[in-house]
Amino acid sequence: MSVLGKTILVKGELRSTEDLTIEGRIDGPITCVDGAVVVTAEAAVAGDVIARDITVFGRSHGQLIATEVVDVRAGATVTGTAMSKQFILHDGAHFTGRVEPQHLDAALRVARFNQQKRDARA
């Protein structure tokens, strides 16, 4: 598991092959297809997140695409679209957006296509 501490600010794309815990700020997409992403209470993510499991305690703005579960905990503020097999919204969480489990497969295909485009430019 990797931890990006409170003092870390990433502007750009973040990819990981292992579980990620975000304590700082990320401005850009996060890809962790086979792992879990945890956005801690102090953290802020502005960008799409693609992972097996996504748990948000802090702030997230963008699409949350999880092959298994999106879990929005009490105190979290999420703005965007959630696409996953399972969506959990706890009491005290703030969610503004849409939950679209029926679009999970399409969202994953689009994300892979966009990833290939970014890789071709690199």
N, C-alpha and C. Protein backbone atom coordinates (compact mmCIF):
# COMPACT_ATOMS: atom_id res chain seq x y z
N MET A 1 0.84 -1.18 0.00
CA MET A 1 0.00 0.00 0.00
C MET A 1 0.88 1.24 0.00
N SER A 2 0.47 2.23 -0.78
CA SER A 2 1.18 3.50 -0.83
C SER A 2 0.33 4.58 -0.17
N VAL A 3 1.00 5.47 0.55
CA VAL A 3 0.33 6.59 1.20
C VAL A 3 0.92 7.88 0.65
N LEU A 4 0.05 8.75 0.16
CA LEU A 4 0.47 10.08 -0.27
C LEU A 4 0.08 11.04 0.85
N GLY A 5 1.07 11.53 1.58
CA GLY A 5 0.87 12.30 2.80
C GLY A 5 0.18 13.63 2.64
N LYS A 6 -0.13 14.24 3.76
CA LYS A 6 -0.88 15.49 3.83
C LYS A 6 -0.19 16.63 3.09
N THR A 7 1.13 16.60 3.00
CA THR A 7 1.85 17.71 2.37
C THR A 7 2.04 17.50 0.86
N ILE A 8 1.54 16.41 0.32
CA ILE A 8 1.72 16.08 -1.09
C ILE A 8 0.62 16.72 -1.93
N LEU A 9 1.02 17.39 -3.00
CA LEU A 9 0.11 17.91 -4.01
C LEU A 9 0.56 17.35 -5.35
N VAL A 10 -0.34 16.64 -6.01
CA VAL A 10 -0.04 16.08 -7.34
C VAL A 10 -0.93 16.77 -8.34
N LYS A 11 -0.32 17.34 -9.38
CA LYS A 11 -1.07 17.92 -10.49
C LYS A 11 -0.73 17.10 -11.72
N GLY A 12 -1.69 16.28 -12.13
CA GLY A 12 -1.47 15.39 -13.26
C GLY A 12 -1.99 14.01 -12.94
N GLU A 13 -1.67 13.09 -13.79
CA GLU A 13 -2.18 11.73 -13.69
C GLU A 13 -1.41 10.91 -12.66
N LEU A 14 -2.14 10.12 -11.88
CA LEU A 14 -1.54 9.25 -10.88
C LEU A 14 -1.99 7.83 -11.16
N ARG A 15 -1.02 6.89 -11.33
CA ARG A 15 -1.33 5.48 -11.56
C ARG A 15 -0.64 4.64 -10.51
N SER A 16 -1.34 3.59 -10.08
CA SER A 16 -0.75 2.70 -9.09
C SER A 16 -1.20 1.27 -9.36
N THR A 17 -0.34 0.32 -9.02
CA THR A 17 -0.70 -1.08 -9.13
C THR A 17 -0.98 -1.68 -7.75
N GLU A 18 -0.92 -0.83 -6.72
CA GLU A 18 -1.22 -1.28 -5.36
C GLU A 18 -2.21 -0.31 -4.72
N ASP A 19 -2.76 -0.70 -3.59
CA ASP A 19 -3.72 0.14 -2.89
C ASP A 19 -3.11 1.50 -2.58
N LEU A 20 -3.96 2.54 -2.62
CA LEU A 20 -3.51 3.92 -2.38
C LEU A 20 -4.32 4.54 -1.25
N THR A 21 -3.64 5.25 -0.37
CA THR A 21 -4.31 6.09 0.61
C THR A 21 -3.86 7.52 0.32
N ILE A 22 -4.84 8.37 0.05
CA ILE A 22 -4.58 9.77 -0.29
C ILE A 22 -4.85 10.63 0.94
N GLU A 23 -3.83 11.33 1.41
CA GLU A 23 -4.00 12.25 2.54
C GLU A 23 -3.85 13.70 2.10
N GLY A 24 -3.27 13.92 0.93
CA GLY A 24 -3.02 15.26 0.42
C GLY A 24 -4.04 15.66 -0.62
N ARG A 25 -3.55 16.34 -1.67
CA ARG A 25 -4.43 16.83 -2.72
C ARG A 25 -3.97 16.30 -4.07
N ILE A 26 -4.90 15.82 -4.87
CA ILE A 26 -4.63 15.32 -6.20
C ILE A 26 -5.51 16.09 -7.18
N ASP A 27 -4.88 16.74 -8.16
CA ASP A 27 -5.60 17.42 -9.23
C ASP A 27 -5.31 16.68 -10.52
N GLY A 28 -6.14 15.71 -10.83
CA GLY A 28 -5.96 14.89 -12.01
C GLY A 28 -6.52 13.50 -11.78
N PRO A 29 -6.52 12.69 -12.83
CA PRO A 29 -7.11 11.36 -12.72
C PRO A 29 -6.23 10.39 -11.92
N ILE A 30 -6.88 9.46 -11.23
CA ILE A 30 -6.21 8.42 -10.46
C ILE A 30 -6.67 7.08 -11.02
N THR A 31 -5.71 6.22 -11.35
CA THR A 31 -6.02 4.88 -11.84
C THR A 31 -5.34 3.85 -10.94
N CYS A 32 -6.15 2.99 -10.38
CA CYS A 32 -5.67 1.92 -9.51
C CYS A 32 -6.60 0.73 -9.72
N VAL A 33 -6.60 0.19 -10.94
CA VAL A 33 -7.63 -0.75 -11.39
C VAL A 33 -7.79 -1.96 -10.49
N ASP A 34 -6.70 -2.56 -10.04
CA ASP A 34 -6.80 -3.78 -9.24
C ASP A 34 -6.72 -3.54 -7.75
N GLY A 35 -6.74 -2.29 -7.33
CA GLY A 35 -6.58 -1.99 -5.91
C GLY A 35 -7.67 -1.09 -5.38
N ALA A 36 -7.48 -0.68 -4.15
CA ALA A 36 -8.42 0.20 -3.46
C ALA A 36 -7.81 1.59 -3.34
N VAL A 37 -8.67 2.60 -3.41
CA VAL A 37 -8.26 3.99 -3.19
C VAL A 37 -9.08 4.51 -2.01
N VAL A 38 -8.36 5.06 -1.02
CA VAL A 38 -9.00 5.68 0.14
C VAL A 38 -8.63 7.15 0.13
N VAL A 39 -9.65 8.01 0.16
CA VAL A 39 -9.46 9.45 0.25
C VAL A 39 -9.78 9.81 1.70
N THR A 40 -8.74 10.16 2.47
CA THR A 40 -8.91 10.41 3.90
C THR A 40 -9.68 11.71 4.14
N ALA A 41 -10.05 11.95 5.40
CA ALA A 41 -10.85 13.11 5.76
C ALA A 41 -10.17 14.43 5.42
N GLU A 42 -8.84 14.47 5.43
CA GLU A 42 -8.11 15.70 5.14
C GLU A 42 -7.84 15.88 3.65
N ALA A 43 -8.10 14.87 2.85
CA ALA A 43 -7.70 14.85 1.45
C ALA A 43 -8.75 15.47 0.53
N ALA A 44 -8.26 15.87 -0.67
CA ALA A 44 -9.13 16.39 -1.72
C ALA A 44 -8.66 15.85 -3.06
N VAL A 45 -9.60 15.34 -3.83
CA VAL A 45 -9.30 14.82 -5.16
C VAL A 45 -10.19 15.55 -6.16
N ALA A 46 -9.56 16.15 -7.17
CA ALA A 46 -10.29 16.79 -8.27
C ALA A 46 -9.90 16.05 -9.54
N GLY A 47 -10.69 15.07 -9.90
CA GLY A 47 -10.41 14.25 -11.08
C GLY A 47 -11.10 12.91 -10.94
N ASP A 48 -11.13 12.18 -12.02
CA ASP A 48 -11.76 10.87 -12.02
C ASP A 48 -10.90 9.87 -11.26
N VAL A 49 -11.56 8.95 -10.57
CA VAL A 49 -10.88 7.89 -9.83
C VAL A 49 -11.40 6.56 -10.37
N ILE A 50 -10.47 5.70 -10.77
CA ILE A 50 -10.83 4.36 -11.25
C ILE A 50 -10.08 3.36 -10.39
N ALA A 51 -10.84 2.47 -9.74
CA ALA A 51 -10.24 1.49 -8.84
C ALA A 51 -11.20 0.32 -8.64
N ARG A 52 -10.70 -0.70 -7.95
CA ARG A 52 -11.59 -1.81 -7.58
C ARG A 52 -12.58 -1.33 -6.52
N ASP A 53 -12.06 -0.69 -5.47
CA ASP A 53 -12.87 -0.13 -4.38
C ASP A 53 -12.45 1.31 -4.15
N ILE A 54 -13.43 2.18 -3.91
CA ILE A 54 -13.15 3.58 -3.62
C ILE A 54 -13.90 3.94 -2.34
N THR A 55 -13.15 4.45 -1.34
CA THR A 55 -13.75 4.91 -0.09
C THR A 55 -13.37 6.37 0.10
N VAL A 56 -14.39 7.21 0.31
CA VAL A 56 -14.14 8.65 0.45
C VAL A 56 -14.58 9.11 1.84
N PHE A 57 -13.61 9.64 2.58
CA PHE A 57 -13.87 10.29 3.86
C PHE A 57 -13.77 11.81 3.70
N GLY A 58 -13.03 12.27 2.68
CA GLY A 58 -12.76 13.69 2.46
C GLY A 58 -13.59 14.25 1.31
N ARG A 59 -12.90 14.97 0.39
CA ARG A 59 -13.59 15.63 -0.72
C ARG A 59 -13.17 15.01 -2.05
N SER A 60 -14.17 14.83 -2.92
CA SER A 60 -13.90 14.30 -4.25
C SER A 60 -14.81 15.00 -5.25
N HIS A 61 -14.22 15.41 -6.36
CA HIS A 61 -14.98 16.05 -7.43
C HIS A 61 -14.58 15.37 -8.74
N GLY A 62 -15.50 14.63 -9.34
CA GLY A 62 -15.23 13.92 -10.58
C GLY A 62 -15.94 12.57 -10.57
N GLN A 63 -15.68 11.78 -11.58
CA GLN A 63 -16.28 10.46 -11.66
C GLN A 63 -15.57 9.48 -10.72
N LEU A 64 -16.36 8.65 -10.06
CA LEU A 64 -15.83 7.56 -9.25
C LEU A 64 -16.27 6.28 -9.93
N ILE A 65 -15.30 5.55 -10.49
CA ILE A 65 -15.59 4.33 -11.24
C ILE A 65 -14.90 3.18 -10.52
N ALA A 66 -15.72 2.30 -9.93
CA ALA A 66 -15.18 1.18 -9.17
C ALA A 66 -15.76 -0.12 -9.70
N THR A 67 -14.91 -1.10 -9.89
CA THR A 67 -15.40 -2.40 -10.37
C THR A 67 -16.18 -3.13 -9.27
N GLU A 68 -16.00 -2.74 -8.02
CA GLU A 68 -16.74 -3.37 -6.92
C GLU A 68 -17.62 -2.38 -6.16
N VAL A 69 -17.00 -1.47 -5.36
CA VAL A 69 -17.81 -0.64 -4.47
C VAL A 69 -17.28 0.80 -4.38
N VAL A 70 -18.22 1.74 -4.32
CA VAL A 70 -17.94 3.14 -3.96
C VAL A 70 -18.61 3.34 -2.60
N ASP A 71 -17.82 3.79 -1.62
CA ASP A 71 -18.28 3.94 -0.25
C ASP A 71 -18.02 5.38 0.18
N VAL A 72 -19.10 6.16 0.37
CA VAL A 72 -19.00 7.57 0.76
C VAL A 72 -19.35 7.66 2.23
N ARG A 73 -18.36 7.97 3.04
CA ARG A 73 -18.50 7.93 4.51
C ARG A 73 -19.00 9.26 5.08
N ALA A 74 -19.45 9.20 6.32
CA ALA A 74 -19.93 10.38 7.03
C ALA A 74 -18.85 11.47 7.02
N GLY A 75 -19.25 12.68 6.72
CA GLY A 75 -18.31 13.81 6.66
C GLY A 75 -17.72 14.04 5.29
N ALA A 76 -17.89 13.10 4.38
CA ALA A 76 -17.34 13.25 3.02
C ALA A 76 -18.22 14.19 2.20
N THR A 77 -17.59 14.83 1.21
CA THR A 77 -18.30 15.65 0.25
C THR A 77 -17.90 15.18 -1.14
N VAL A 78 -18.85 14.62 -1.87
CA VAL A 78 -18.58 14.08 -3.20
C VAL A 78 -19.49 14.77 -4.20
N THR A 79 -18.88 15.25 -5.28
CA THR A 79 -19.63 15.84 -6.38
C THR A 79 -19.22 15.12 -7.65
N GLY A 80 -20.19 14.54 -8.35
CA GLY A 80 -19.87 13.84 -9.58
C GLY A 80 -20.76 12.64 -9.80
N THR A 81 -20.27 11.73 -10.61
CA THR A 81 -21.01 10.52 -10.96
C THR A 81 -20.30 9.31 -10.36
N ALA A 82 -21.07 8.42 -9.77
CA ALA A 82 -20.52 7.17 -9.22
C ALA A 82 -21.03 6.01 -10.06
N MET A 83 -20.11 5.19 -10.51
CA MET A 83 -20.46 4.00 -11.28
C MET A 83 -19.76 2.81 -10.65
N SER A 84 -20.54 1.88 -10.12
CA SER A 84 -19.98 0.70 -9.47
C SER A 84 -21.09 -0.33 -9.28
N LYS A 85 -20.67 -1.55 -8.95
CA LYS A 85 -21.66 -2.60 -8.67
C LYS A 85 -22.44 -2.28 -7.41
N GLN A 86 -21.74 -1.66 -6.44
CA GLN A 86 -22.36 -1.34 -5.17
C GLN A 86 -22.01 0.09 -4.78
N PHE A 87 -23.01 0.83 -4.28
CA PHE A 87 -22.81 2.21 -3.84
C PHE A 87 -23.34 2.33 -2.42
N ILE A 88 -22.48 2.82 -1.51
CA ILE A 88 -22.87 2.99 -0.11
C ILE A 88 -22.73 4.46 0.25
N LEU A 89 -23.84 5.04 0.73
CA LEU A 89 -23.85 6.44 1.16
C LEU A 89 -24.24 6.47 2.64
N HIS A 90 -23.29 6.83 3.49
CA HIS A 90 -23.51 6.83 4.93
C HIS A 90 -24.22 8.11 5.37
N ASP A 91 -24.93 8.02 6.50
CA ASP A 91 -25.54 9.21 7.11
C ASP A 91 -24.45 10.24 7.38
N GLY A 92 -24.72 11.49 7.09
CA GLY A 92 -23.76 12.55 7.32
C GLY A 92 -22.83 12.82 6.15
N ALA A 93 -22.95 12.04 5.09
CA ALA A 93 -22.16 12.28 3.88
C ALA A 93 -22.94 13.22 2.96
N HIS A 94 -22.21 13.97 2.15
CA HIS A 94 -22.83 14.89 1.19
C HIS A 94 -22.49 14.40 -0.21
N PHE A 95 -23.51 14.04 -0.97
CA PHE A 95 -23.31 13.55 -2.33
C PHE A 95 -24.18 14.35 -3.27
N THR A 96 -23.53 14.99 -4.27
CA THR A 96 -24.25 15.73 -5.29
C THR A 96 -23.85 15.13 -6.63
N GLY A 97 -24.80 14.52 -7.29
CA GLY A 97 -24.47 13.90 -8.57
C GLY A 97 -25.42 12.77 -8.89
N ARG A 98 -24.90 11.80 -9.65
CA ARG A 98 -25.70 10.67 -10.08
C ARG A 98 -24.99 9.36 -9.74
N VAL A 99 -25.79 8.33 -9.50
CA VAL A 99 -25.28 6.98 -9.34
C VAL A 99 -25.78 6.20 -10.54
N GLU A 100 -24.84 5.66 -11.32
CA GLU A 100 -25.20 4.99 -12.57
C GLU A 100 -24.54 3.62 -12.68
N PRO A 101 -25.02 2.64 -11.93
CA PRO A 101 -24.41 1.31 -12.01
C PRO A 101 -24.55 0.68 -13.39
N GLN A 102 -25.58 1.04 -14.11
CA GLN A 102 -25.81 0.47 -15.44
C GLN A 102 -24.78 0.93 -16.47
N HIS A 103 -24.02 1.96 -16.16
CA HIS A 103 -23.01 2.49 -17.10
C HIS A 103 -21.58 2.09 -16.74
N LEU A 104 -21.41 1.17 -15.79
CA LEU A 104 -20.08 0.79 -15.33
C LEU A 104 -19.21 0.25 -16.47
N ASP A 105 -19.71 -0.71 -17.23
CA ASP A 105 -18.92 -1.30 -18.31
C ASP A 105 -18.52 -0.27 -19.36
N ALA A 106 -19.45 0.59 -19.73
CA ALA A 106 -19.15 1.64 -20.72
C ALA A 106 -18.11 2.61 -20.17
N ALA A 107 -18.23 2.99 -18.90
CA ALA A 107 -17.27 3.92 -18.29
C ALA A 107 -15.87 3.32 -18.26
N LEU A 108 -15.78 2.02 -17.98
CA LEU A 108 -14.47 1.36 -17.96
C LEU A 108 -13.86 1.32 -19.36
N ARG A 109 -14.67 1.08 -20.38
CA ARG A 109 -14.17 1.08 -21.76
C ARG A 109 -13.66 2.47 -22.16
N VAL A 110 -14.42 3.50 -21.82
CA VAL A 110 -14.02 4.87 -22.14
C VAL A 110 -12.72 5.22 -21.39
N ALA A 111 -12.63 4.82 -20.13
CA ALA A 111 -11.41 5.10 -19.34
C ALA A 111 -10.20 4.42 -19.97
N ARG A 112 -10.33 3.17 -20.40
CA ARG A 112 -9.22 2.46 -21.06
C ARG A 112 -8.81 3.17 -22.35
N PHE A 113 -9.80 3.60 -23.13
CA PHE A 113 -9.52 4.31 -24.37
C PHE A 113 -8.77 5.61 -24.10
N ASN A 114 -9.23 6.38 -23.12
CA ASN A 114 -8.57 7.64 -22.77
C ASN A 114 -7.15 7.39 -22.26
N GLN A 115 -6.95 6.30 -21.52
CA GLN A 115 -5.62 5.94 -21.02
C GLN A 115 -4.69 5.64 -22.18
N GLN A 116 -5.17 4.91 -23.17
CA GLN A 116 -4.37 4.59 -24.35
C GLN A 116 -3.98 5.86 -25.11
N LYS A 117 -4.89 6.82 -25.20
CA LYS A 117 -4.59 8.10 -25.85
C LYS A 117 -3.50 8.84 -25.09
N ARG A 118 -3.59 8.88 -23.75
CA ARG A 118 -2.59 9.57 -22.95
C ARG A 118 -1.24 8.88 -23.10
N ASP A 119 -1.25 7.54 -23.11
CA ASP A 119 0.01 6.78 -23.26
C ASP A 119 0.65 7.04 -24.62
N ALA A 120 -0.15 7.18 -25.65
CA ALA A 120 0.38 7.41 -27.00
C ALA A 120 1.05 8.79 -27.09
N ARG A 121 0.55 9.75 -26.33
CA ARG A 121 1.14 11.10 -26.35
C ARG A 121 2.43 11.18 -25.55
N ALA A 122 2.59 10.27 -24.60
CA ALA A 122 3.74 10.32 -23.70
C ALA A 122 5.02 9.88 -24.36
